[in-house]
Amino acid sequence: MAQILDGKKVSEAVQQELVQEVAALVAQGNRPGLAVVLVGDDPASKVYVGSKQRTCEKLGILSKSSILPASTTQQELLAVIDQYNADPEIHGILCQLPLPKGLNEAEVINRIDPAKDVDCFHPDNVGRVLIGEPRFLPCTPHGVVQIIKRYNIETEGKHVVVVGRSNIVGKPLAAMMMQKEYGSNMGCNSTVTVCHSATKNLPEVCASADILIAAIGKANFITADMVKPGAVVIDVGINRIDANNEKGYKLVGDVDYDAVAPKASSITPVPGGVGPMTIAMLMYNTVMSCKLHAKK
């Protein structure tokens, strides 16, 4: 069986490092602060926001939040963003997506000060990642790279196949995996292929990967025939499927785990793989932003 790449364990290690960094910053009079904006009452978003707030408390990071009704107008939402942009106690601003219908997500993302955009969604930050001069690294892709690096998986010259081309995961992750270096030894220097719905011979392309990263949002999409024996498999997906249990569902990834694990050399589980890393890297970016603001 494959080595299990335990994202929860890596996340805990990152957070433990951050506890020490936050304490050092607080001792200097610089406490990192994160603001979360939630519009509407989406249950999954509420759970995610609550988890972020608890993690802030655990690490000693100041947490502020604005919970707004679904009836909030675009101008009202932008006014809240402006308030946090001007707040010296806040170093990171996160607006929980998706927004209710009628609100312009792109305008909201562009309104956040790039120096406080700890999600790394602002075009300025996305461009910096692409050219190898990042202010921040996007949270989920950074979490993937952290798992790979901390398990000492070789990436240089390896063929990485990314299945999915979203702005949040697929595109930035491809850029990070091909980057030679970022000045902090986070570059991977891999050869990258990005696959999507129009890719021909998808199973064959996936089966050529030394490192296969699934981020397509389809339950159990990657099957055993799409994986080269000995490949490293990273599953970014998280999907609900019907199950005969108390909840009536279970969480699965984009990879058919039971079928793929015997072929892979290493694999991330779902849950407990990439998922825990996203919040950890959000906190990492908030601390990084505090350091950058302190220098100024």
C-alpha atoms as a PDB file:
ATOM      1  CA  MET A   1       0.000   0.000   0.000  1.00  0.00           C
ATOM      2  CA  ALA A   2       0.995   3.584  -0.588  1.00  0.00           C
ATOM      3  CA  GLN A   3       2.520   5.884   2.010  1.00  0.00           C
ATOM      4  CA  ILE A   4      -0.271   8.011   3.481  1.00  0.00           C
ATOM      5  CA  LEU A   5       0.492  11.730   3.163  1.00  0.00           C
ATOM      6  CA  ASP A   6      -1.095  12.970   6.380  1.00  0.00           C
ATOM      7  CA  GLY A   7      -2.196  16.568   5.784  1.00  0.00           C
ATOM      8  CA  LYS A   8      -3.567  16.867   9.290  1.00  0.00           C
ATOM      9  CA  LYS A   9      -0.164  16.025  10.737  1.00  0.00           C
ATOM     10  CA  VAL A  10       1.599  18.520   8.457  1.00  0.00           C
ATOM     11  CA  SER A  11      -1.005  21.169   9.271  1.00  0.00           C
ATOM     12  CA  GLU A  12      -0.392  20.708  12.989  1.00  0.00           C
ATOM     13  CA  ALA A  13       3.363  21.078  12.444  1.00  0.00           C
ATOM     14  CA  VAL A  14       2.848  24.319  10.481  1.00  0.00           C
ATOM     15  CA  GLN A  15       0.521  25.678  13.154  1.00  0.00           C
ATOM     16  CA  GLN A  16       2.968  24.837  15.913  1.00  0.00           C
ATOM     17  CA  GLU A  17       5.628  26.821  14.078  1.00  0.00           C
ATOM     18  CA  LEU A  18       3.186  29.708  13.698  1.00  0.00           C
ATOM     19  CA  VAL A  19       2.406  29.761  17.436  1.00  0.00           C
ATOM     20  CA  GLN A  20       6.050  30.622  18.060  1.00  0.00           C
ATOM     21  CA  GLU A  21       6.158  33.217  15.269  1.00  0.00           C
ATOM     22  CA  VAL A  22       2.973  34.902  16.485  1.00  0.00           C
ATOM     23  CA  ALA A  23       4.310  35.025  20.055  1.00  0.00           C
ATOM     24  CA  ALA A  24       7.503  36.691  18.810  1.00  0.00           C
ATOM     25  CA  LEU A  25       5.511  39.260  16.817  1.00  0.00           C
ATOM     26  CA  VAL A  26       3.208  40.016  19.757  1.00  0.00           C
ATOM     27  CA  ALA A  27       6.272  40.542  21.964  1.00  0.00           C
ATOM     28  CA  GLN A  28       7.366  43.203  19.470  1.00  0.00           C
ATOM     29  CA  GLY A  29       3.946  44.871  19.566  1.00  0.00           C
ATOM     30  CA  ASN A  30       2.732  43.411  16.275  1.00  0.00           C
ATOM     31  CA  ARG A  31      -0.194  41.036  16.621  1.00  0.00           C
ATOM     32  CA  PRO A  32      -1.362  39.441  13.353  1.00  0.00           C
ATOM     33  CA  GLY A  33      -5.029  40.079  12.590  1.00  0.00           C
ATOM     34  CA  LEU A  34      -7.441  38.333  10.213  1.00  0.00           C
ATOM     35  CA  ALA A  35     -10.868  39.625   9.150  1.00  0.00           C
ATOM     36  CA  VAL A  36     -13.455  37.277   7.685  1.00  0.00           C
ATOM     37  CA  VAL A  37     -16.501  38.541   5.779  1.00  0.00           C
ATOM     38  CA  LEU A  38     -19.434  36.172   5.301  1.00  0.00           C
ATOM     39  CA  VAL A  39     -22.515  37.120   3.297  1.00  0.00           C
ATOM     40  CA  GLY A  40     -25.621  34.950   3.602  1.00  0.00           C
ATOM     41  CA  ASP A  41     -26.307  31.806   5.569  1.00  0.00           C
ATOM     42  CA  ASP A  42     -24.680  29.002   3.573  1.00  0.00           C
ATOM     43  CA  PRO A  43     -24.163  26.200   6.150  1.00  0.00           C
ATOM     44  CA  ALA A  44     -20.847  24.991   4.722  1.00  0.00           C
ATOM     45  CA  SER A  45     -19.458  28.537   4.667  1.00  0.00           C
ATOM     46  CA  LYS A  46     -20.543  29.078   8.285  1.00  0.00           C
ATOM     47  CA  VAL A  47     -18.695  25.925   9.365  1.00  0.00           C
ATOM     48  CA  TYR A  48     -15.578  26.979   7.458  1.00  0.00           C
ATOM     49  CA  VAL A  49     -15.621  30.491   8.924  1.00  0.00           C
ATOM     50  CA  GLY A  50     -16.065  29.064  12.421  1.00  0.00           C
ATOM     51  CA  SER A  51     -13.073  26.799  11.897  1.00  0.00           C
ATOM     52  CA  LYS A  52     -10.938  29.763  10.828  1.00  0.00           C
ATOM     53  CA  GLN A  53     -11.946  31.728  13.908  1.00  0.00           C
ATOM     54  CA  ARG A  54     -11.057  28.832  16.227  1.00  0.00           C
ATOM     55  CA  THR A  55      -7.691  28.416  14.533  1.00  0.00           C
ATOM     56  CA  CYS A  56      -6.958  32.132  14.977  1.00  0.00           C
ATOM     57  CA  GLU A  57      -7.692  31.818  18.683  1.00  0.00           C
ATOM     58  CA  LYS A  58      -5.458  28.736  18.947  1.00  0.00           C
ATOM     59  CA  LEU A  59      -2.523  30.534  17.320  1.00  0.00           C
ATOM     60  CA  GLY A  60      -2.953  33.876  19.079  1.00  0.00           C
ATOM     61  CA  ILE A  61      -4.075  35.716  15.937  1.00  0.00           C
ATOM     62  CA  LEU A  62      -6.617  38.528  16.311  1.00  0.00           C
ATOM     63  CA  SER A  63      -9.876  37.552  14.634  1.00  0.00           C
ATOM     64  CA  LYS A  64     -12.586  39.914  13.442  1.00  0.00           C
ATOM     65  CA  SER A  65     -15.654  38.975  11.438  1.00  0.00           C
ATOM     66  CA  SER A  66     -18.564  40.593   9.647  1.00  0.00           C
ATOM     67  CA  ILE A  67     -21.581  38.316   9.181  1.00  0.00           C
ATOM     68  CA  LEU A  68     -23.865  40.028   6.679  1.00  0.00           C
ATOM     69  CA  PRO A  69     -27.385  39.091   5.501  1.00  0.00           C
ATOM     70  CA  ALA A  70     -27.939  37.708   2.005  1.00  0.00           C
ATOM     71  CA  SER A  71     -29.773  40.964   1.206  1.00  0.00           C
ATOM     72  CA  THR A  72     -26.519  42.938   1.525  1.00  0.00           C
ATOM     73  CA  THR A  73     -25.930  45.191  -1.487  1.00  0.00           C
ATOM     74  CA  GLN A  74     -22.720  45.398  -3.457  1.00  0.00           C
ATOM     75  CA  GLN A  75     -21.951  48.860  -2.091  1.00  0.00           C
ATOM     76  CA  GLU A  76     -22.583  47.755   1.494  1.00  0.00           C
ATOM     77  CA  LEU A  77     -20.222  44.819   1.033  1.00  0.00           C
ATOM     78  CA  LEU A  78     -17.524  46.999  -0.529  1.00  0.00           C
ATOM     79  CA  ALA A  79     -17.856  49.438   2.376  1.00  0.00           C
ATOM     80  CA  VAL A  80     -17.063  46.590   4.806  1.00  0.00           C
ATOM     81  CA  ILE A  81     -14.017  45.651   2.717  1.00  0.00           C
ATOM     82  CA  ASP A  82     -12.877  49.290   2.751  1.00  0.00           C
ATOM     83  CA  GLN A  83     -13.259  49.361   6.531  1.00  0.00           C
ATOM     84  CA  TYR A  84     -10.907  46.402   6.934  1.00  0.00           C
ATOM     85  CA  ASN A  85      -8.500  47.770   4.309  1.00  0.00           C
ATOM     86  CA  ALA A  86      -8.078  50.825   6.547  1.00  0.00           C
ATOM     87  CA  ASP A  87      -7.935  48.899   9.843  1.00  0.00           C
ATOM     88  CA  PRO A  88      -4.317  48.824  11.119  1.00  0.00           C
ATOM     89  CA  GLU A  89      -5.093  45.808  13.333  1.00  0.00           C
ATOM     90  CA  ILE A  90      -6.013  43.706  10.302  1.00  0.00           C
ATOM     91  CA  HIS A  91      -3.320  42.149   8.105  1.00  0.00           C
ATOM     92  CA  GLY A  92      -5.472  39.685   6.219  1.00  0.00           C
ATOM     93  CA  ILE A  93      -8.956  39.995   4.705  1.00  0.00           C
ATOM     94  CA  LEU A  94     -10.947  37.016   3.534  1.00  0.00           C
ATOM     95  CA  CYS A  95     -14.359  37.289   1.891  1.00  0.00           C
ATOM     96  CA  GLN A  96     -15.960  33.861   1.959  1.00  0.00           C
ATOM     97  CA  LEU A  97     -16.972  32.629  -1.500  1.00  0.00           C
ATOM     98  CA  PRO A  98     -19.298  31.955  -3.177  1.00  0.00           C
ATOM     99  CA  LEU A  99     -21.309  35.115  -2.655  1.00  0.00           C
ATOM    100  CA  PRO A 100     -25.103  35.192  -2.967  1.00  0.00           C
ATOM    101  CA  LYS A 101     -26.505  35.794  -6.429  1.00  0.00           C
ATOM    102  CA  GLY A 102     -26.477  39.407  -7.500  1.00  0.00           C
ATOM    103  CA  LEU A 103     -23.116  40.231  -5.924  1.00  0.00           C
ATOM    104  CA  ASN A 104     -20.040  40.715  -8.099  1.00  0.00           C
ATOM    105  CA  GLU A 105     -17.250  38.481  -6.775  1.00  0.00           C
ATOM    106  CA  ALA A 106     -14.572  39.889  -9.082  1.00  0.00           C
ATOM    107  CA  GLU A 107     -15.237  43.439  -7.891  1.00  0.00           C
ATOM    108  CA  VAL A 108     -15.012  42.327  -4.268  1.00  0.00           C
ATOM    109  CA  ILE A 109     -11.747  40.457  -4.840  1.00  0.00           C
ATOM    110  CA  ASN A 110     -10.273  43.464  -6.629  1.00  0.00           C
ATOM    111  CA  ARG A 111     -11.367  45.787  -3.804  1.00  0.00           C
ATOM    112  CA  ILE A 112      -9.301  43.956  -1.160  1.00  0.00           C
ATOM    113  CA  ASP A 113      -5.915  45.588  -0.586  1.00  0.00           C
ATOM    114  CA  PRO A 114      -3.403  43.244  -2.307  1.00  0.00           C
ATOM    115  CA  ALA A 115      -1.175  43.567   0.768  1.00  0.00           C
ATOM    116  CA  LYS A 116      -4.011  42.063   2.845  1.00  0.00           C
ATOM    117  CA  ASP A 117      -5.216  39.543   0.253  1.00  0.00           C
ATOM    118  CA  VAL A 118      -4.177  36.424   2.201  1.00  0.00           C
ATOM    119  CA  ASP A 119      -6.309  34.203  -0.049  1.00  0.00           C
ATOM    120  CA  CYS A 120      -4.080  35.336  -2.946  1.00  0.00           C
ATOM    121  CA  PHE A 121      -7.029  35.916  -5.286  1.00  0.00           C
ATOM    122  CA  HIS A 122      -6.274  39.525  -6.288  1.00  0.00           C
ATOM    123  CA  PRO A 123      -4.904  39.795  -9.864  1.00  0.00           C
ATOM    124  CA  ASP A 124      -1.803  41.546  -8.523  1.00  0.00           C
ATOM    125  CA  ASN A 125      -0.976  38.601  -6.286  1.00  0.00           C
ATOM    126  CA  VAL A 126      -1.880  36.018  -8.927  1.00  0.00           C
ATOM    127  CA  GLY A 127       0.503  37.716 -11.350  1.00  0.00           C
ATOM    128  CA  ARG A 128       3.271  37.780  -8.763  1.00  0.00           C
ATOM    129  CA  VAL A 129       2.924  34.029  -8.264  1.00  0.00           C
ATOM    130  CA  LEU A 130       3.140  33.462 -12.003  1.00  0.00           C
ATOM    131  CA  ILE A 131       6.400  35.404 -12.425  1.00  0.00           C
ATOM    132  CA  GLY A 132       7.961  33.899  -9.306  1.00  0.00           C
ATOM    133  CA  GLU A 133       7.883  37.005  -7.107  1.00  0.00           C
ATOM    134  CA  PRO A 134       4.966  36.295  -4.756  1.00  0.00           C
ATOM    135  CA  ARG A 135       3.767  38.420  -1.894  1.00  0.00           C
ATOM    136  CA  PHE A 136       1.712  35.423  -0.766  1.00  0.00           C
ATOM    137  CA  LEU A 137       1.192  31.926  -2.139  1.00  0.00           C
ATOM    138  CA  PRO A 138      -2.421  30.745  -2.626  1.00  0.00           C
ATOM    139  CA  CYS A 139      -3.528  28.660   0.326  1.00  0.00           C
ATOM    140  CA  THR A 140      -4.607  25.310  -1.132  1.00  0.00           C
ATOM    141  CA  PRO A 141      -1.793  25.087  -3.726  1.00  0.00           C
ATOM    142  CA  HIS A 142       0.714  26.127  -1.057  1.00  0.00           C
ATOM    143  CA  GLY A 143      -0.700  23.412   1.192  1.00  0.00           C
ATOM    144  CA  VAL A 144      -0.129  20.832  -1.543  1.00  0.00           C
ATOM    145  CA  VAL A 145       3.484  21.943  -1.979  1.00  0.00           C
ATOM    146  CA  GLN A 146       4.046  21.916   1.786  1.00  0.00           C
ATOM    147  CA  ILE A 147       2.879  18.294   1.971  1.00  0.00           C
ATOM    148  CA  ILE A 148       5.132  17.324  -0.922  1.00  0.00           C
ATOM    149  CA  LYS A 149       8.159  19.124   0.532  1.00  0.00           C
ATOM    150  CA  ARG A 150       7.708  17.937   4.106  1.00  0.00           C
ATOM    151  CA  TYR A 151       7.460  14.324   2.981  1.00  0.00           C
ATOM    152  CA  ASN A 152      10.676  14.825   0.969  1.00  0.00           C
ATOM    153  CA  ILE A 153       9.063  13.872  -2.336  1.00  0.00           C
ATOM    154  CA  GLU A 154      11.378  14.673  -5.231  1.00  0.00           C
ATOM    155  CA  THR A 155       9.893  17.162  -7.699  1.00  0.00           C
ATOM    156  CA  GLU A 156      12.790  18.440  -9.789  1.00  0.00           C
ATOM    157  CA  GLY A 157      12.414  17.287 -13.382  1.00  0.00           C
ATOM    158  CA  LYS A 158       9.397  15.137 -12.510  1.00  0.00           C
ATOM    159  CA  HIS A 159       6.320  15.093 -14.732  1.00  0.00           C
ATOM    160  CA  VAL A 160       3.417  16.626 -12.817  1.00  0.00           C
ATOM    161  CA  VAL A 161      -0.102  16.303 -14.210  1.00  0.00           C
ATOM    162  CA  VAL A 162      -2.716  18.665 -12.748  1.00  0.00           C
ATOM    163  CA  VAL A 163      -6.306  17.670 -13.503  1.00  0.00           C
ATOM    164  CA  GLY A 164      -8.315  20.882 -13.230  1.00  0.00           C
ATOM    165  CA  ARG A 165      -7.697  24.500 -14.256  1.00  0.00           C
ATOM    166  CA  SER A 166      -9.557  26.591 -11.689  1.00  0.00           C
ATOM    167  CA  ASN A 167      -8.234  29.992 -10.666  1.00  0.00           C
ATOM    168  CA  ILE A 168      -8.161  28.833  -7.038  1.00  0.00           C
ATOM    169  CA  VAL A 169      -6.228  25.575  -7.429  1.00  0.00           C
ATOM    170  CA  GLY A 170      -5.344  24.274 -10.895  1.00  0.00           C
ATOM    171  CA  LYS A 171      -3.782  27.331 -12.515  1.00  0.00           C
ATOM    172  CA  PRO A 172      -1.730  28.624  -9.555  1.00  0.00           C
ATOM    173  CA  LEU A 173      -0.651  25.109  -8.579  1.00  0.00           C
ATOM    174  CA  ALA A 174       0.652  24.475 -12.096  1.00  0.00           C
ATOM    175  CA  ALA A 175       2.641  27.727 -11.887  1.00  0.00           C
ATOM    176  CA  MET A 176       4.077  26.782  -8.497  1.00  0.00           C
ATOM    177  CA  MET A 177       5.026  23.264  -9.559  1.00  0.00           C
ATOM    178  CA  MET A 178       6.926  24.513 -12.616  1.00  0.00           C
ATOM    179  CA  GLN A 179       8.626  27.403 -10.786  1.00  0.00           C
ATOM    180  CA  LYS A 180      12.361  26.881 -10.285  1.00  0.00           C
ATOM    181  CA  GLU A 181      12.509  28.768  -6.992  1.00  0.00           C
ATOM    182  CA  TYR A 182      10.620  31.318  -4.928  1.00  0.00           C
ATOM    183  CA  GLY A 183      13.508  32.468  -2.775  1.00  0.00           C
ATOM    184  CA  SER A 184      12.367  30.254   0.114  1.00  0.00           C
ATOM    185  CA  ASN A 185      13.092  26.826  -1.338  1.00  0.00           C
ATOM    186  CA  MET A 186       9.413  26.362  -2.248  1.00  0.00           C
ATOM    187  CA  GLY A 187      10.020  26.048  -5.985  1.00  0.00           C
ATOM    188  CA  CYS A 188       9.461  22.573  -7.442  1.00  0.00           C
ATOM    189  CA  ASN A 189      11.158  22.816 -10.866  1.00  0.00           C
ATOM    190  CA  SER A 190       8.830  20.213 -12.377  1.00  0.00           C
ATOM    191  CA  THR A 191       7.543  19.684 -15.900  1.00  0.00           C
ATOM    192  CA  VAL A 192       3.809  20.344 -15.768  1.00  0.00           C
ATOM    193  CA  THR A 193       0.828  19.275 -17.857  1.00  0.00           C
ATOM    194  CA  VAL A 194      -2.595  20.765 -17.096  1.00  0.00           C
ATOM    195  CA  CYS A 195      -5.628  18.693 -18.077  1.00  0.00           C
ATOM    196  CA  HIS A 196      -9.270  19.710 -18.301  1.00  0.00           C
ATOM    197  CA  SER A 197     -12.583  18.776 -19.913  1.00  0.00           C
ATOM    198  CA  ALA A 198     -11.237  19.190 -23.451  1.00  0.00           C
ATOM    199  CA  THR A 199      -8.067  17.127 -22.919  1.00  0.00           C
ATOM    200  CA  LYS A 200      -7.855  14.200 -25.337  1.00  0.00           C
ATOM    201  CA  ASN A 201      -6.676  10.794 -24.125  1.00  0.00           C
ATOM    202  CA  LEU A 202      -6.994  11.947 -20.507  1.00  0.00           C
ATOM    203  CA  PRO A 203      -6.363   8.521 -18.931  1.00  0.00           C
ATOM    204  CA  GLU A 204      -3.116   8.133 -20.901  1.00  0.00           C
ATOM    205  CA  VAL A 205      -1.932  11.635 -19.981  1.00  0.00           C
ATOM    206  CA  CYS A 206      -2.665  11.029 -16.290  1.00  0.00           C
ATOM    207  CA  ALA A 207      -0.910   7.658 -16.421  1.00  0.00           C
ATOM    208  CA  SER A 208       2.278   9.403 -17.594  1.00  0.00           C
ATOM    209  CA  ALA A 209       2.507  11.439 -14.365  1.00  0.00           C
ATOM    210  CA  ASP A 210       5.157  10.976 -11.717  1.00  0.00           C
ATOM    211  CA  ILE A 211       3.003  13.215  -9.524  1.00  0.00           C
ATOM    212  CA  LEU A 212      -0.737  13.271 -10.270  1.00  0.00           C
ATOM    213  CA  ILE A 213      -2.787  16.082  -8.711  1.00  0.00           C
ATOM    214  CA  ALA A 214      -6.570  15.823  -8.929  1.00  0.00           C
ATOM    215  CA  ALA A 215      -8.513  19.068  -8.544  1.00  0.00           C
ATOM    216  CA  ILE A 216     -11.499  18.632 -10.813  1.00  0.00           C
ATOM    217  CA  GLY A 217     -14.373  18.461  -8.321  1.00  0.00           C
ATOM    218  CA  LYS A 218     -15.808  15.108  -9.432  1.00  0.00           C
ATOM    219  CA  ALA A 219     -16.127  12.262  -6.958  1.00  0.00           C
ATOM    220  CA  ASN A 220     -13.840   9.266  -7.613  1.00  0.00           C
ATOM    221  CA  PHE A 221     -12.969  10.608 -11.071  1.00  0.00           C
ATOM    222  CA  ILE A 222      -9.382   9.333 -11.069  1.00  0.00           C
ATOM    223  CA  THR A 223      -9.460   5.559 -11.409  1.00  0.00           C
ATOM    224  CA  ALA A 224      -6.668   2.986 -11.130  1.00  0.00           C
ATOM    225  CA  ASP A 225      -6.088   2.798 -14.894  1.00  0.00           C
ATOM    226  CA  MET A 226      -5.219   6.533 -14.861  1.00  0.00           C
ATOM    227  CA  VAL A 227      -2.335   6.114 -12.424  1.00  0.00           C
ATOM    228  CA  LYS A 228       1.196   4.977 -13.189  1.00  0.00           C
ATOM    229  CA  PRO A 229       2.536   2.357 -10.757  1.00  0.00           C
ATOM    230  CA  GLY A 230       4.589   4.143  -8.119  1.00  0.00           C
ATOM    231  CA  ALA A 231       3.148   7.604  -8.816  1.00  0.00           C
ATOM    232  CA  VAL A 232       2.520  10.158  -6.082  1.00  0.00           C
ATOM    233  CA  VAL A 233      -1.193  11.011  -5.984  1.00  0.00           C
ATOM    234  CA  ILE A 234      -2.463  14.271  -4.437  1.00  0.00           C
ATOM    235  CA  ASP A 235      -6.234  14.541  -4.075  1.00  0.00           C
ATOM    236  CA  VAL A 236      -7.471  18.129  -3.698  1.00  0.00           C
ATOM    237  CA  GLY A 237     -11.126  17.248  -4.206  1.00  0.00           C
ATOM    238  CA  ILE A 238     -13.771  16.974  -1.526  1.00  0.00           C
ATOM    239  CA  ASN A 239     -17.203  15.741  -2.550  1.00  0.00           C
ATOM    240  CA  ARG A 240     -20.332  14.512  -0.798  1.00  0.00           C
ATOM    241  CA  ILE A 241     -21.849  11.246  -1.982  1.00  0.00           C
ATOM    242  CA  ASP A 242     -24.834   9.332  -0.632  1.00  0.00           C
ATOM    243  CA  ALA A 243     -24.019   6.776   2.035  1.00  0.00           C
ATOM    244  CA  ASN A 244     -25.904   4.421   4.312  1.00  0.00           C
ATOM    245  CA  ASN A 245     -24.913   6.051   7.593  1.00  0.00           C
ATOM    246  CA  GLU A 246     -26.311   8.469  10.168  1.00  0.00           C
ATOM    247  CA  LYS A 247     -25.430  11.528   8.088  1.00  0.00           C
ATOM    248  CA  GLY A 248     -26.728  10.031   4.863  1.00  0.00           C
ATOM    249  CA  TYR A 249     -23.524  10.959   3.066  1.00  0.00           C
ATOM    250  CA  LYS A 250     -19.763  10.572   3.187  1.00  0.00           C
ATOM    251  CA  LEU A 251     -16.877  12.697   1.968  1.00  0.00           C
ATOM    252  CA  VAL A 252     -14.710  11.425  -0.856  1.00  0.00           C
ATOM    253  CA  GLY A 253     -12.076  12.981  -3.069  1.00  0.00           C
ATOM    254  CA  ASP A 254     -11.602  13.189  -6.808  1.00  0.00           C
ATOM    255  CA  VAL A 255      -9.567   9.979  -6.613  1.00  0.00           C
ATOM    256  CA  ASP A 256     -10.999   6.468  -6.235  1.00  0.00           C
ATOM    257  CA  TYR A 257      -8.856   5.956  -3.152  1.00  0.00           C
ATOM    258  CA  ASP A 258      -9.396   2.225  -2.550  1.00  0.00           C
ATOM    259  CA  ALA A 259      -8.551   1.356  -6.138  1.00  0.00           C
ATOM    260  CA  VAL A 260      -5.645   3.785  -6.572  1.00  0.00           C
ATOM    261  CA  ALA A 261      -3.821   3.434  -3.236  1.00  0.00           C
ATOM    262  CA  PRO A 262      -2.370  -0.031  -4.051  1.00  0.00           C
ATOM    263  CA  LYS A 263      -0.750   1.385  -7.221  1.00  0.00           C
ATOM    264  CA  ALA A 264       0.580   4.657  -5.809  1.00  0.00           C
ATOM    265  CA  SER A 265       3.809   5.151  -3.874  1.00  0.00           C
ATOM    266  CA  SER A 266       2.215   7.961  -1.824  1.00  0.00           C
ATOM    267  CA  ILE A 267      -1.320   9.302  -1.620  1.00  0.00           C
ATOM    268  CA  THR A 268      -3.338  11.900   0.304  1.00  0.00           C
ATOM    269  CA  PRO A 269      -6.562  10.697   1.948  1.00  0.00           C
ATOM    270  CA  VAL A 270      -9.912  12.490   1.951  1.00  0.00           C
ATOM    271  CA  PRO A 271     -10.659  13.734   4.500  1.00  0.00           C
ATOM    272  CA  GLY A 272      -7.381  14.431   6.280  1.00  0.00           C
ATOM    273  CA  GLY A 273      -5.169  15.204   3.313  1.00  0.00           C
ATOM    274  CA  VAL A 274      -5.035  18.565   1.557  1.00  0.00           C
ATOM    275  CA  GLY A 275      -8.103  19.946   3.364  1.00  0.00           C
ATOM    276  CA  PRO A 276      -6.475  20.743   6.729  1.00  0.00           C
ATOM    277  CA  MET A 277      -3.613  22.498   4.931  1.00  0.00           C
ATOM    278  CA  THR A 278      -5.787  25.250   3.443  1.00  0.00           C
ATOM    279  CA  ILE A 279      -6.583  26.918   6.781  1.00  0.00           C
ATOM    280  CA  ALA A 280      -3.006  26.380   8.004  1.00  0.00           C
ATOM    281  CA  MET A 281      -1.619  28.239   4.986  1.00  0.00           C
ATOM    282  CA  LEU A 282      -4.220  30.998   5.389  1.00  0.00           C
ATOM    283  CA  MET A 283      -2.827  31.543   8.888  1.00  0.00           C
ATOM    284  CA  TYR A 284       0.704  31.374   7.488  1.00  0.00           C
ATOM    285  CA  ASN A 285      -0.153  34.145   5.006  1.00  0.00           C
ATOM    286  CA  THR A 286      -1.723  36.278   7.747  1.00  0.00           C
ATOM    287  CA  VAL A 287       1.454  36.025   9.827  1.00  0.00           C
ATOM    288  CA  MET A 288       3.539  36.778   6.723  1.00  0.00           C
ATOM    289  CA  SER A 289       1.393  39.856   6.034  1.00  0.00           C
ATOM    290  CA  CYS A 290       1.909  41.069   9.603  1.00  0.00           C
ATOM    291  CA  LYS A 291       5.660  40.767   9.138  1.00  0.00           C
ATOM    292  CA  LEU A 292       5.508  42.714   5.877  1.00  0.00           C
ATOM    293  CA  HIS A 293       3.409  45.472   7.476  1.00  0.00           C
ATOM    294  CA  ALA A 294       5.783  45.611  10.452  1.00  0.00           C
ATOM    295  CA  LYS A 295       8.740  46.204   8.114  1.00  0.00           C
ATOM    296  CA  LYS A 296       6.911  49.152   6.552  1.00  0.00           C
END
